[in-house]
Amino acid sequence: MKRRTGFTLVELLVVIAIVALLVGLLLPAIQAAREAGRRVSCVNNLKQWALAMQSHHTSFNAFPYIGQRRNNPETNTADTGDDSGTRRSFVVSLWPFMEVLELAGKWNTNQNYWSAINLVLMQTAQPLYCCPSDRPGAMYLGGSWQYDMRRCNYLPNAGPTRSYVANTRNAPFGVRSDSGFSSNGSLWVPYRTPLSRITDGASKTLLMAEVRFPAEDSRTTRDSRGLTLHDYLNTFTAAAPPNSGTDMTWLCGDSNVPCSPQPLDLTNFQHIARSRHPGGVNAAFCDGSVQFIPDSIQPAVWQELSTMNSGTAAGGW
C-alpha cells in the first residue's frame, strides 16, 4: 500500500499555534516602532512651531499674542463691544514664519476670522497642526456663530493654574486684563512677551506643549479642546502634570478625557497638556528646544517650568 504524505491535524494545529505566538510577540514591537516614528514626527512639528516663535521674536522683539484684536500690535486692545476688532489666533501671526505662505498671503487683516475669506483659511488642513499619534485633519464642527475650524495639537503656555489670573503675568502667553464674556464679545486684552522678561531662563521656561483632540468631531457633542486657531481657547496650563487632572473649558464633548464645562470666562479655564504617546508629552521651551516630559514629573516642578519670572529654579524630572 502507498502511504499518503501531508500534515496531520495535530501537526497543523501546532504550526498555527506557533505562528499565532510569533505574531503575538511581534505585534507589540511593530506597534512600538510605529509609535516611535509618529513621536519623532510630532517632535519635528513642535520644533517647527518653536522655530517660528523664535523667528517672530527676531522680527518683532517679542513672541506673538495668543490672539490679536487690532492690526497695530502696539495698540492691541479689547473689543469695543461690537466685535469690531480683527480677531485672529497666534497661528495666523506665525504662518509667514512656518512657510505657510499660501494662507498668510490670503488672510484679510481687516476682517475677523469668521469672515468668508478668512474662515476658508481657518478650515484649510496643514500637516504641522497635528501630531500623527492623534487624529490628523481633525476639525471643530460648530453651529450658529461657533464656526468650523481646524484643530491643532500644539498650544502655548499660559502659566501654572488658569488661563487668566488677575494682576498676574507669569507666563510667556496670556492676557493682562479680562472683563469677562458678554453677548457683545470677549473683552480680554492679550499681552506679548520678549525674551528679556523671561528671567527664569529661556531653557527653563515652557513655550508650548501638546494637547489631545476629542475622540470625534461632532456638531451635537461639541468639544472646544484643541482649538489653537481660536483666539482665546488656545492655551494650556500646568494646573496638573501631563495626562492627569481635569480640563476646564467651554465645551466638553469627549467623556473619555476628564473635562468640566465652564462659562466663557478665562479665569475658569485650564487645559492640561495631554498626548497619545505612552508615558508623557512633547514640550517646547523658550530657547527653541523640545523635550519629552514624563507623566511622572512632580506637579511643583511642572508648574515651575510654566512660570517665567518666579526666581525659583525648577527641579529635575
Protein backbone atom coordinates (compact mmCIF):
# COMPACT_ATOMS: atom_id res chain seq x y z
CA MET A 1 0.00 0.00 0.00
CA LYS A 2 1.16 3.56 -0.78
CA ARG A 3 1.50 5.88 2.17
CA ARG A 4 -0.11 9.34 1.89
CA THR A 5 2.12 12.29 2.73
CA GLY A 6 0.96 15.53 4.41
CA PHE A 7 0.28 17.14 7.73
CA THR A 8 -1.85 15.55 10.33
CA LEU A 9 -4.47 17.65 12.07
CA VAL A 10 -2.36 17.78 15.22
CA GLU A 11 0.69 18.99 13.30
CA LEU A 12 -1.36 21.66 11.57
CA LEU A 13 -2.72 22.91 14.88
CA VAL A 14 0.78 23.08 16.32
CA VAL A 15 2.01 25.14 13.37
CA ILE A 16 -0.95 27.52 13.70
CA ALA A 17 -0.27 27.91 17.42
CA ILE A 18 3.40 28.70 16.77
CA VAL A 19 2.51 31.30 14.10
CA ALA A 20 -0.04 32.89 16.44
CA LEU A 21 2.54 33.03 19.20
CA LEU A 22 5.11 34.69 16.94
CA VAL A 23 2.56 37.24 15.72
CA GLY A 24 1.61 37.96 19.33
CA LEU A 25 5.25 38.57 20.19
CA LEU A 26 6.00 40.69 17.12
CA LEU A 27 2.86 42.84 17.03
CA PRO A 28 3.69 44.93 20.13
CA ALA A 29 7.19 45.52 18.77
CA ILE A 30 5.77 46.64 15.41
CA GLN A 31 3.28 48.94 17.10
CA ALA A 32 6.02 50.37 19.32
CA ALA A 33 8.19 51.03 16.26
CA ARG A 34 5.33 52.80 14.52
CA GLU A 35 4.61 54.94 17.57
CA ALA A 36 8.30 55.82 17.82
CA GLY A 37 8.16 57.08 14.24
CA ARG A 38 4.99 59.08 14.94
CA ARG A 39 6.59 60.57 18.04
CA VAL A 40 9.65 61.67 16.06
CA SER A 41 7.36 63.34 13.52
CA CYS A 42 5.49 65.04 16.37
CA VAL A 43 8.77 66.34 17.81
CA ASN A 44 9.69 67.72 14.40
CA ASN A 45 6.33 69.51 14.17
CA LEU A 46 6.77 71.06 17.61
CA LYS A 47 10.30 72.08 16.69
CA GLN A 48 8.91 73.95 13.67
CA TRP A 49 6.48 75.80 15.91
CA ALA A 50 9.28 76.73 18.31
CA LEU A 51 11.49 77.99 15.45
CA ALA A 52 8.58 80.04 14.08
CA MET A 53 8.16 81.59 17.53
CA GLN A 54 11.86 82.46 17.57
CA SER A 55 11.65 83.99 14.09
CA HIS A 56 8.65 86.07 15.14
CA HIS A 57 10.66 87.27 18.14
CA THR A 58 13.55 88.24 15.85
CA SER A 59 11.21 90.28 13.66
CA PHE A 60 9.05 91.90 16.35
CA ASN A 61 11.21 91.63 19.50
CA ALA A 62 8.52 89.54 21.19
CA PHE A 63 6.59 86.30 20.90
CA PRO A 64 3.15 86.74 19.29
CA TYR A 65 -0.08 87.45 21.11
CA ILE A 66 -2.17 84.32 21.76
CA GLY A 67 -4.83 86.21 19.83
CA GLN A 68 -4.89 89.63 18.26
CA ARG A 69 -7.60 92.31 18.33
CA ARG A 70 -6.09 95.10 16.29
CA ASN A 71 -3.76 95.31 13.31
CA ASN A 72 -1.41 97.61 15.20
CA PRO A 73 0.23 95.28 17.74
CA GLU A 74 1.18 98.19 19.98
CA THR A 75 -2.47 99.13 20.49
CA ASN A 76 -3.93 95.65 20.85
CA THR A 77 -6.99 96.28 23.00
CA ALA A 78 -10.26 94.61 23.86
CA ASP A 79 -13.25 94.69 21.56
CA THR A 80 -15.21 97.90 21.57
CA GLY A 81 -18.42 96.00 22.31
CA ASP A 82 -19.49 95.10 18.79
CA ASP A 83 -16.81 92.60 17.75
CA SER A 84 -15.22 95.27 15.60
CA GLY A 85 -11.70 94.02 16.25
CA THR A 86 -9.79 91.97 13.69
CA ARG A 87 -9.74 88.87 15.86
CA ARG A 88 -7.31 86.11 14.95
CA SER A 89 -5.19 83.43 16.58
CA PHE A 90 -1.43 83.45 17.08
CA VAL A 91 -1.30 80.80 14.35
CA VAL A 92 -2.07 83.46 11.73
CA SER A 93 0.86 85.52 13.04
CA LEU A 94 3.17 82.52 12.63
CA TRP A 95 2.11 81.45 9.13
CA PRO A 96 4.76 83.63 7.43
CA PHE A 97 7.48 82.05 9.61
CA MET A 98 6.25 78.48 9.03
CA GLU A 99 6.34 78.82 5.24
CA VAL A 100 2.54 78.59 5.06
CA LEU A 101 2.65 81.46 2.61
CA GLU A 102 -0.35 80.31 0.60
CA LEU A 103 -2.51 81.07 3.67
CA ALA A 104 -0.62 84.08 5.01
CA GLY A 105 -0.89 85.88 1.69
CA LYS A 106 -4.67 85.48 1.54
CA TRP A 107 -5.59 86.48 5.09
CA ASN A 108 -7.64 89.68 5.24
CA THR A 109 -6.26 91.59 8.23
CA ASN A 110 -9.20 94.00 8.18
CA GLN A 111 -11.75 91.26 8.92
CA ASN A 112 -12.38 88.82 11.76
CA TYR A 113 -11.57 85.13 11.48
CA TRP A 114 -15.21 84.26 10.77
CA SER A 115 -15.37 86.39 7.62
CA ALA A 116 -15.97 84.36 4.48
CA ILE A 117 -12.43 84.56 3.10
CA ASN A 118 -10.68 84.03 6.44
CA LEU A 119 -12.90 81.16 7.53
CA VAL A 120 -11.84 79.19 4.45
CA LEU A 121 -8.23 79.59 5.57
CA MET A 122 -9.15 78.52 9.11
CA GLN A 123 -10.58 75.30 7.64
CA THR A 124 -7.53 74.51 5.49
CA ALA A 125 -5.64 71.49 6.84
CA GLN A 126 -1.90 71.79 7.49
CA PRO A 127 0.42 68.87 8.43
CA LEU A 128 2.07 70.97 11.16
CA TYR A 129 -1.21 71.30 13.03
CA CYS A 130 -1.46 67.65 14.04
CA CYS A 131 0.59 65.01 15.83
CA PRO A 132 0.42 61.76 13.81
CA SER A 133 -0.37 59.85 17.01
CA ASP A 134 -3.65 61.72 17.34
CA ARG A 135 -6.24 62.44 14.61
CA PRO A 136 -4.61 64.35 11.75
CA GLY A 137 -7.09 66.60 9.99
CA ALA A 138 -9.42 66.92 12.98
CA MET A 139 -11.86 69.83 12.80
CA TYR A 140 -14.09 71.56 15.31
CA LEU A 141 -17.63 71.46 13.95
CA GLY A 142 -19.65 74.35 15.29
CA GLY A 143 -23.06 75.72 14.64
CA SER A 144 -24.66 79.14 14.61
CA TRP A 145 -21.79 81.51 15.44
CA GLN A 146 -19.44 78.69 16.53
CA TYR A 147 -17.72 78.39 13.17
CA ASP A 148 -15.95 75.31 11.82
CA MET A 149 -12.18 75.40 12.08
CA ARG A 150 -9.20 73.03 12.14
CA ARG A 151 -7.90 71.74 15.44
CA CYS A 152 -4.22 71.78 16.40
CA ASN A 153 -2.27 69.66 18.89
CA TYR A 154 0.17 72.40 19.95
CA LEU A 155 -0.78 75.13 22.43
CA PRO A 156 1.21 77.99 24.04
CA ASN A 157 1.94 78.11 27.78
CA ALA A 158 -0.40 80.32 29.86
CA GLY A 159 1.08 79.56 33.28
CA PRO A 160 0.69 77.28 36.28
CA THR A 161 -3.03 77.48 37.03
CA ARG A 162 -5.73 79.18 34.92
CA SER A 163 -5.71 80.84 31.51
CA TYR A 164 -6.08 84.20 33.27
CA VAL A 165 -5.27 85.24 36.84
CA ALA A 166 -5.90 88.88 37.73
CA ASN A 167 -2.83 91.08 38.20
CA THR A 168 -0.53 88.21 37.21
CA ARG A 169 1.84 87.98 34.26
CA ASN A 170 3.98 84.94 34.91
CA ALA A 171 3.91 83.06 31.60
CA PRO A 172 5.04 83.80 28.03
CA PHE A 173 1.42 83.93 26.82
CA GLY A 174 -1.76 85.26 28.35
CA VAL A 175 -3.93 88.29 28.94
CA ARG A 176 -3.32 91.36 31.08
CA SER A 177 -6.98 92.11 31.76
CA ASP A 178 -10.29 90.37 31.36
CA SER A 179 -13.75 91.87 31.67
CA GLY A 180 -15.40 88.54 31.11
CA PHE A 181 -17.58 87.44 28.23
CA SER A 182 -20.79 89.03 27.06
CA SER A 183 -23.04 88.82 24.05
CA ASN A 184 -21.01 91.68 22.59
CA GLY A 185 -17.73 89.84 22.63
CA SER A 186 -14.90 88.51 24.73
CA LEU A 187 -13.47 91.56 26.49
CA TRP A 188 -9.94 90.46 27.26
CA VAL A 189 -6.66 92.17 26.40
CA PRO A 190 -3.68 89.95 25.45
CA TYR A 191 -0.02 90.70 26.01
CA ARG A 192 3.24 89.92 24.20
CA THR A 193 6.44 88.75 25.88
CA PRO A 194 10.05 89.49 24.89
CA LEU A 195 12.79 87.09 25.97
CA SER A 196 14.12 89.78 28.30
CA ARG A 197 11.09 89.26 30.54
CA ILE A 198 11.74 85.53 30.88
CA THR A 199 14.06 85.94 33.85
CA ASP A 200 13.94 82.29 34.91
CA GLY A 201 15.80 81.42 31.70
CA ALA A 202 14.54 80.51 28.25
CA SER A 203 15.77 76.92 28.57
CA LYS A 204 13.80 76.50 31.82
CA THR A 205 10.50 78.04 30.70
CA LEU A 206 7.84 76.22 28.72
CA LEU A 207 6.82 77.70 25.38
CA MET A 208 4.32 75.16 24.02
CA ALA A 209 3.10 71.64 24.71
CA GLU A 210 0.83 69.00 23.22
CA VAL A 211 -2.88 68.63 23.89
CA ARG A 212 -5.24 65.87 22.82
CA PHE A 213 -8.13 66.13 20.42
CA PRO A 214 -11.53 64.79 21.44
CA ALA A 215 -12.32 61.31 20.18
CA GLU A 216 -14.50 62.60 17.33
CA ASP A 217 -15.71 65.76 15.62
CA SER A 218 -19.41 66.21 16.20
CA ARG A 219 -21.93 69.02 15.84
CA THR A 220 -24.07 67.58 18.62
CA THR A 221 -21.40 66.77 21.23
CA ARG A 222 -19.02 69.63 20.57
CA ASP A 223 -15.67 69.84 22.37
CA SER A 224 -13.61 73.05 22.41
CA ARG A 225 -10.26 71.45 23.24
CA GLY A 226 -7.52 71.75 20.63
CA LEU A 227 -8.88 74.98 19.13
CA THR A 228 -5.50 76.57 18.56
CA LEU A 229 -6.93 78.57 15.66
CA HIS A 230 -9.42 80.22 18.02
CA ASP A 231 -8.30 83.48 19.63
CA TYR A 232 -8.82 82.72 23.33
CA LEU A 233 -9.47 78.95 23.67
CA ASN A 234 -5.88 78.29 22.66
CA THR A 235 -3.50 77.86 25.63
CA PHE A 236 -2.52 75.07 28.00
CA THR A 237 -1.82 75.47 31.71
CA ALA A 238 0.25 73.44 34.17
CA ALA A 239 -2.55 73.08 36.71
CA ALA A 240 -1.84 69.32 36.70
CA PRO A 241 1.01 67.18 35.34
CA PRO A 242 0.71 65.84 31.79
CA ASN A 243 -2.15 63.43 31.10
CA SER A 244 -3.74 63.95 34.51
CA GLY A 245 -6.26 66.20 36.17
CA THR A 246 -9.41 67.68 34.69
CA ASP A 247 -9.68 70.12 31.82
CA MET A 248 -11.89 73.15 32.49
CA THR A 249 -13.12 74.73 29.29
CA TRP A 250 -16.12 75.94 27.38
CA LEU A 251 -17.39 72.73 25.73
CA CYS A 252 -16.69 69.17 26.92
CA GLY A 253 -17.94 66.64 24.42
CA ASP A 254 -15.45 63.79 24.97
CA SER A 255 -16.21 61.83 28.15
CA ASN A 256 -13.05 59.74 27.71
CA VAL A 257 -10.86 62.65 28.87
CA PRO A 258 -11.85 64.36 32.17
CA CYS A 259 -13.40 67.76 31.50
CA SER A 260 -15.59 70.23 33.33
CA PRO A 261 -17.61 72.69 31.17
CA GLN A 262 -17.23 76.33 32.20
CA PRO A 263 -18.78 79.70 31.29
CA LEU A 264 -16.83 81.75 28.75
CA ASP A 265 -14.53 83.32 31.32
CA LEU A 266 -10.77 82.78 31.15
CA THR A 267 -10.50 82.84 34.96
CA ASN A 268 -12.16 79.41 34.92
CA PHE A 269 -10.20 77.78 32.11
CA GLN A 270 -7.40 75.24 32.41
CA HIS A 271 -6.27 72.98 29.57
CA ILE A 272 -3.96 70.19 30.69
CA ALA A 273 -1.10 69.07 28.43
CA ARG A 274 -2.00 65.65 27.04
CA SER A 275 -0.88 63.33 24.27
CA ARG A 276 -1.43 59.85 22.87
CA HIS A 277 2.25 58.99 23.38
CA PRO A 278 2.81 56.43 26.14
CA GLY A 279 4.17 58.00 29.30
CA GLY A 280 4.22 61.74 28.64
CA VAL A 281 4.04 64.69 26.25
CA ASN A 282 6.37 66.61 23.98
CA ALA A 283 7.02 70.19 25.05
CA ALA A 284 8.98 73.09 23.55
CA PHE A 285 10.94 75.57 25.66
CA CYS A 286 11.52 79.26 25.05
CA ASP A 287 15.04 78.63 23.76
CA GLY A 288 13.60 76.55 20.92
CA SER A 289 14.50 73.13 22.35
CA VAL A 290 12.00 70.26 22.50
CA GLN A 291 11.92 67.67 25.27
CA PHE A 292 9.74 64.74 26.28
CA ILE A 293 8.14 65.41 29.66
CA PRO A 294 7.09 62.25 31.57
CA ASP A 295 3.73 61.95 33.27
CA SER A 296 5.63 61.24 36.48
CA ILE A 297 7.03 64.79 36.73
CA GLN A 298 6.30 66.33 40.12
CA PRO A 299 3.40 68.83 40.00
CA ALA A 300 5.51 71.57 41.61
CA VAL A 301 8.31 71.09 39.05
CA TRP A 302 5.85 71.16 36.14
CA GLN A 303 4.27 74.36 37.43
CA GLU A 304 7.66 75.93 37.98
CA LEU A 305 8.62 75.19 34.38
CA SER A 306 5.48 77.01 33.26
CA THR A 307 6.44 80.24 35.05
CA MET A 308 8.91 82.69 33.54
CA ASN A 309 9.78 85.03 36.43
CA SER A 310 9.39 83.28 39.79
CA GLY A 311 13.12 83.41 40.61
CA THR A 312 12.98 79.76 41.72
CA ALA A 313 14.93 77.05 39.93
CA ALA A 314 12.85 74.12 38.71
CA GLY A 315 13.85 70.71 39.97
CA GLY A 316 14.77 67.76 37.81
CA TRP A 317 12.43 65.23 36.29
